[in-house]
């Protein structure tokens, strides 16, 4: 019998590629490492988003990125300042990954 990959406890983080919009160019893909959440934790996080700015929201759902610069609040703030569509792309991807986990072979 084949071993199943799913367990009762999910991995604490997961990677996902995010297409970051770049003005005048095609989007560039950056892999982010996101925090996994249970249904209850996700609902609480979504409710709390109303009181958060973009950087705070990103820092609460991302643990790392595939950029040369260190993942920290200062660099996330600068990234958000430089790429105006980045926050929406990151948060949209996170929400999609959490709520529509990929089904595959």
N, C-alpha and C. Protein backbone atom coordinates (compact mmCIF):
# COMPACT_ATOMS: atom_id res chain seq x y z
N UNK A 1 0.85 -1.18 0.00
CA UNK A 1 0.00 0.00 0.00
C UNK A 1 0.90 1.25 0.00
N UNK A 2 0.56 2.23 -0.82
CA UNK A 2 1.35 3.46 -0.94
C UNK A 2 1.20 4.30 0.32
N UNK A 3 2.31 4.91 0.70
CA UNK A 3 2.30 5.79 1.87
C UNK A 3 1.65 7.12 1.51
N UNK A 4 0.76 7.57 2.35
CA UNK A 4 0.09 8.85 2.11
C UNK A 4 0.98 10.01 2.55
N UNK A 5 0.83 11.14 1.89
CA UNK A 5 1.65 12.32 2.21
C UNK A 5 0.98 13.23 3.20
N UNK A 6 -0.31 13.08 3.39
CA UNK A 6 -1.02 13.98 4.29
C UNK A 6 -1.06 13.38 5.69
N UNK A 7 -0.99 14.26 6.68
CA UNK A 7 -1.05 13.83 8.08
C UNK A 7 -2.04 14.72 8.82
N UNK A 8 -2.31 14.40 10.05
CA UNK A 8 -3.22 15.23 10.84
C UNK A 8 -2.62 16.58 11.20
N UNK A 9 -1.31 16.66 11.19
CA UNK A 9 -0.63 17.92 11.49
C UNK A 9 0.15 18.36 10.26
N UNK A 10 -0.16 19.54 9.75
CA UNK A 10 0.53 20.04 8.56
C UNK A 10 1.90 20.60 8.91
N UNK A 11 2.73 20.74 7.89
CA UNK A 11 4.05 21.34 8.08
C UNK A 11 3.85 22.79 8.51
N UNK A 12 4.75 23.35 9.33
CA UNK A 12 4.56 24.72 9.84
C UNK A 12 4.74 25.81 8.79
N UNK A 13 5.47 25.52 7.71
CA UNK A 13 5.66 26.50 6.64
C UNK A 13 5.57 25.80 5.29
N UNK A 14 5.39 26.62 4.25
CA UNK A 14 5.37 26.09 2.89
C UNK A 14 5.85 27.16 1.92
N UNK A 15 6.56 26.75 0.86
CA UNK A 15 7.02 27.71 -0.14
C UNK A 15 5.96 27.92 -1.22
N UNK A 16 5.94 29.10 -1.79
CA UNK A 16 5.06 29.37 -2.92
C UNK A 16 5.65 30.51 -3.76
N UNK A 17 5.63 30.37 -5.08
CA UNK A 17 6.12 31.43 -5.94
C UNK A 17 5.09 32.56 -6.05
N UNK A 18 5.57 33.79 -6.00
CA UNK A 18 4.69 34.96 -6.11
C UNK A 18 5.20 35.82 -7.26
N UNK A 19 4.32 36.15 -8.19
CA UNK A 19 4.66 37.03 -9.30
C UNK A 19 4.56 38.48 -8.81
N UNK A 20 5.71 39.14 -8.70
CA UNK A 20 5.75 40.52 -8.21
C UNK A 20 5.70 41.47 -9.41
N UNK A 21 4.69 42.33 -9.46
CA UNK A 21 4.60 43.29 -10.57
C UNK A 21 5.76 44.29 -10.55
N UNK A 22 6.34 44.50 -11.72
CA UNK A 22 7.42 45.47 -11.88
C UNK A 22 6.99 46.45 -12.96
N UNK A 23 6.88 47.73 -12.65
CA UNK A 23 6.42 48.71 -13.64
C UNK A 23 7.26 48.67 -14.92
N UNK A 24 6.57 48.60 -16.04
CA UNK A 24 7.24 48.62 -17.34
C UNK A 24 7.88 47.31 -17.75
N UNK A 25 7.77 46.29 -16.92
CA UNK A 25 8.37 44.99 -17.21
C UNK A 25 7.37 43.88 -16.89
N UNK A 26 7.74 42.67 -17.25
CA UNK A 26 6.94 41.53 -16.85
C UNK A 26 7.17 41.27 -15.37
N UNK A 27 6.18 40.70 -14.70
CA UNK A 27 6.37 40.38 -13.28
C UNK A 27 7.56 39.43 -13.10
N UNK A 28 8.21 39.54 -11.96
CA UNK A 28 9.30 38.64 -11.61
C UNK A 28 8.81 37.73 -10.50
N UNK A 29 9.17 36.48 -10.55
CA UNK A 29 8.71 35.51 -9.56
C UNK A 29 9.72 35.40 -8.42
N UNK A 30 9.21 35.55 -7.21
CA UNK A 30 10.01 35.39 -6.00
C UNK A 30 9.34 34.31 -5.16
N UNK A 31 10.12 33.37 -4.67
CA UNK A 31 9.56 32.33 -3.80
C UNK A 31 9.55 32.85 -2.36
N UNK A 32 8.38 32.80 -1.76
CA UNK A 32 8.20 33.19 -0.36
C UNK A 32 7.93 31.93 0.46
N UNK A 33 8.35 31.95 1.71
CA UNK A 33 8.02 30.87 2.63
C UNK A 33 6.93 31.41 3.55
N UNK A 34 5.77 30.76 3.47
CA UNK A 34 4.60 31.20 4.21
C UNK A 34 4.34 30.33 5.44
N UNK A 35 3.66 30.90 6.42
CA UNK A 35 3.25 30.18 7.62
C UNK A 35 1.96 29.42 7.34
N UNK A 36 1.92 28.18 7.76
CA UNK A 36 0.68 27.41 7.68
C UNK A 36 -0.21 27.81 8.86
N UNK A 37 -1.50 27.72 8.67
CA UNK A 37 -2.45 28.03 9.74
C UNK A 37 -3.59 27.04 9.71
N UNK A 38 -4.17 26.80 10.86
CA UNK A 38 -5.39 26.00 10.92
C UNK A 38 -6.55 26.88 10.47
N UNK A 39 -7.69 26.30 10.29
CA UNK A 39 -8.88 27.06 9.88
C UNK A 39 -9.17 28.18 10.88
N UNK A 40 -9.11 27.86 12.17
CA UNK A 40 -9.39 28.86 13.21
C UNK A 40 -8.33 29.95 13.19
N UNK A 41 -7.06 29.58 13.12
CA UNK A 41 -5.98 30.57 13.09
C UNK A 41 -6.10 31.47 11.87
N UNK A 42 -6.47 30.89 10.73
CA UNK A 42 -6.61 31.68 9.50
C UNK A 42 -7.76 32.68 9.64
N UNK A 43 -8.88 32.23 10.18
CA UNK A 43 -10.03 33.12 10.36
C UNK A 43 -9.67 34.28 11.29
N UNK A 44 -8.95 33.99 12.36
CA UNK A 44 -8.53 35.03 13.29
C UNK A 44 -7.57 36.01 12.62
N UNK A 45 -6.64 35.48 11.82
CA UNK A 45 -5.69 36.33 11.11
C UNK A 45 -6.42 37.23 10.12
N UNK A 46 -7.36 36.67 9.39
CA UNK A 46 -8.12 37.46 8.40
C UNK A 46 -8.89 38.58 9.10
N UNK A 47 -9.50 38.27 10.23
CA UNK A 47 -10.24 39.28 10.98
C UNK A 47 -9.31 40.39 11.47
N UNK A 48 -8.12 40.03 11.92
CA UNK A 48 -7.16 41.01 12.44
C UNK A 48 -6.55 41.87 11.33
N UNK A 49 -6.62 41.42 10.08
CA UNK A 49 -6.05 42.18 8.97
C UNK A 49 -6.63 43.59 8.84
N UNK A 50 -7.85 43.75 9.29
CA UNK A 50 -8.51 45.06 9.19
C UNK A 50 -7.73 46.14 9.92
N UNK A 51 -6.97 45.73 10.93
CA UNK A 51 -6.21 46.67 11.75
C UNK A 51 -4.73 46.73 11.39
N UNK A 52 -4.31 46.01 10.35
CA UNK A 52 -2.89 45.90 10.01
C UNK A 52 -2.56 46.69 8.75
N UNK A 53 -1.31 47.17 8.66
CA UNK A 53 -0.85 47.73 7.40
C UNK A 53 -0.22 46.59 6.60
N UNK A 54 0.17 46.87 5.37
CA UNK A 54 0.69 45.82 4.48
C UNK A 54 1.92 45.12 5.05
N UNK A 55 2.85 45.88 5.59
CA UNK A 55 4.08 45.28 6.12
C UNK A 55 3.76 44.38 7.31
N UNK A 56 2.91 44.83 8.20
CA UNK A 56 2.53 44.01 9.35
C UNK A 56 1.87 42.72 8.89
N UNK A 57 0.99 42.81 7.92
CA UNK A 57 0.31 41.62 7.41
C UNK A 57 1.30 40.64 6.80
N UNK A 58 2.25 41.15 6.02
CA UNK A 58 3.26 40.29 5.40
C UNK A 58 4.12 39.63 6.47
N UNK A 59 4.55 40.39 7.45
CA UNK A 59 5.41 39.83 8.50
C UNK A 59 4.70 38.74 9.31
N UNK A 60 3.38 38.78 9.33
CA UNK A 60 2.62 37.77 10.07
C UNK A 60 2.35 36.51 9.27
N UNK A 61 2.55 36.55 7.96
CA UNK A 61 2.27 35.35 7.17
C UNK A 61 3.48 34.81 6.43
N UNK A 62 4.57 35.55 6.39
CA UNK A 62 5.77 35.13 5.67
C UNK A 62 6.91 34.95 6.66
N UNK A 63 7.72 33.90 6.43
CA UNK A 63 8.88 33.67 7.29
C UNK A 63 10.20 33.86 6.54
N UNK A 64 10.14 33.97 5.21
CA UNK A 64 11.37 34.14 4.44
C UNK A 64 11.06 34.34 2.97
N UNK A 65 12.12 34.68 2.22
CA UNK A 65 11.97 34.88 0.78
C UNK A 65 13.27 34.51 0.08
N UNK A 66 13.18 34.28 -1.21
CA UNK A 66 14.35 33.90 -2.02
C UNK A 66 14.97 35.14 -2.65
N UNK A 67 15.36 36.08 -1.82
CA UNK A 67 16.08 37.28 -2.25
C UNK A 67 17.42 37.29 -1.53
N UNK A 68 18.38 38.01 -2.07
CA UNK A 68 19.69 38.09 -1.43
C UNK A 68 19.63 38.83 -0.09
N UNK A 69 18.71 39.79 0.01
CA UNK A 69 18.58 40.56 1.23
C UNK A 69 17.88 39.74 2.31
N UNK A 70 18.27 39.99 3.55
CA UNK A 70 17.66 39.30 4.69
C UNK A 70 16.17 39.63 4.77
N UNK A 71 15.38 38.64 5.17
CA UNK A 71 13.96 38.87 5.39
C UNK A 71 13.79 39.47 6.79
N UNK A 72 13.47 40.77 6.83
CA UNK A 72 13.21 41.45 8.10
C UNK A 72 12.27 42.62 7.82
N UNK A 73 11.79 43.24 8.86
CA UNK A 73 10.78 44.29 8.70
C UNK A 73 11.29 45.47 7.89
N UNK A 74 12.55 45.84 8.07
CA UNK A 74 13.09 46.97 7.30
C UNK A 74 13.13 46.66 5.81
N UNK A 75 13.57 45.46 5.46
CA UNK A 75 13.66 45.09 4.04
C UNK A 75 12.28 44.85 3.43
N UNK A 76 11.35 44.33 4.21
CA UNK A 76 9.98 44.17 3.71
C UNK A 76 9.36 45.55 3.48
N UNK A 77 9.63 46.49 4.36
CA UNK A 77 9.12 47.85 4.20
C UNK A 77 9.68 48.47 2.92
N UNK A 78 10.98 48.32 2.70
CA UNK A 78 11.59 48.88 1.49
C UNK A 78 11.05 48.19 0.23
N UNK A 79 10.91 46.89 0.28
CA UNK A 79 10.36 46.13 -0.86
C UNK A 79 8.95 46.62 -1.18
N UNK A 80 8.16 46.84 -0.14
CA UNK A 80 6.80 47.33 -0.31
C UNK A 80 6.78 48.75 -0.87
N UNK A 81 7.75 49.56 -0.50
CA UNK A 81 7.86 50.92 -1.02
C UNK A 81 8.28 50.92 -2.50
N UNK A 82 9.18 50.04 -2.86
CA UNK A 82 9.71 50.00 -4.23
C UNK A 82 8.74 49.37 -5.22
N UNK A 83 8.04 48.35 -4.79
CA UNK A 83 7.14 47.60 -5.68
C UNK A 83 5.72 47.73 -5.15
N UNK A 84 4.98 48.68 -5.70
CA UNK A 84 3.67 49.05 -5.16
C UNK A 84 2.66 47.91 -5.18
N UNK A 85 2.79 46.99 -6.12
CA UNK A 85 1.85 45.88 -6.20
C UNK A 85 2.29 44.65 -5.43
N UNK A 86 3.44 44.72 -4.77
CA UNK A 86 3.99 43.55 -4.10
C UNK A 86 3.12 43.04 -2.97
N UNK A 87 2.67 43.93 -2.10
CA UNK A 87 1.89 43.50 -0.94
C UNK A 87 0.63 42.76 -1.37
N UNK A 88 -0.09 43.32 -2.33
CA UNK A 88 -1.30 42.65 -2.80
C UNK A 88 -0.98 41.29 -3.41
N UNK A 89 0.10 41.22 -4.18
CA UNK A 89 0.49 39.94 -4.80
C UNK A 89 0.84 38.90 -3.74
N UNK A 90 1.60 39.31 -2.73
CA UNK A 90 2.02 38.39 -1.67
C UNK A 90 0.82 37.92 -0.86
N UNK A 91 0.00 38.85 -0.42
CA UNK A 91 -1.14 38.49 0.42
C UNK A 91 -2.18 37.70 -0.35
N UNK A 92 -2.42 38.06 -1.60
CA UNK A 92 -3.37 37.30 -2.43
C UNK A 92 -2.89 35.86 -2.62
N UNK A 93 -1.59 35.70 -2.87
CA UNK A 93 -1.04 34.36 -3.06
C UNK A 93 -1.17 33.55 -1.77
N UNK A 94 -0.87 34.16 -0.64
CA UNK A 94 -0.99 33.46 0.64
C UNK A 94 -2.41 32.98 0.87
N UNK A 95 -3.35 33.88 0.70
CA UNK A 95 -4.76 33.53 0.92
C UNK A 95 -5.19 32.42 -0.03
N UNK A 96 -4.78 32.52 -1.29
CA UNK A 96 -5.12 31.48 -2.27
C UNK A 96 -4.51 30.13 -1.88
N UNK A 97 -3.26 30.15 -1.45
CA UNK A 97 -2.59 28.90 -1.07
C UNK A 97 -3.26 28.25 0.15
N UNK A 98 -3.62 29.06 1.12
CA UNK A 98 -4.25 28.53 2.33
C UNK A 98 -5.64 27.99 2.03
N UNK A 99 -6.42 28.73 1.24
CA UNK A 99 -7.82 28.35 1.04
C UNK A 99 -8.04 27.41 -0.12
N UNK A 100 -7.10 27.34 -1.04
CA UNK A 100 -7.27 26.50 -2.23
C UNK A 100 -6.05 25.64 -2.43
N UNK A 101 -5.65 24.94 -1.39
CA UNK A 101 -4.45 24.11 -1.47
C UNK A 101 -4.48 23.30 -2.76
N UNK A 102 -3.33 23.22 -3.39
CA UNK A 102 -3.24 22.56 -4.68
C UNK A 102 -3.63 21.09 -4.60
N UNK A 103 -4.43 20.67 -5.55
CA UNK A 103 -4.75 19.27 -5.70
C UNK A 103 -3.98 18.74 -6.89
N UNK A 104 -3.31 17.64 -6.71
CA UNK A 104 -2.51 17.10 -7.82
C UNK A 104 -2.26 15.63 -7.64
N UNK A 105 -1.41 15.13 -8.50
CA UNK A 105 -1.09 13.69 -8.46
C UNK A 105 -0.15 13.38 -7.34
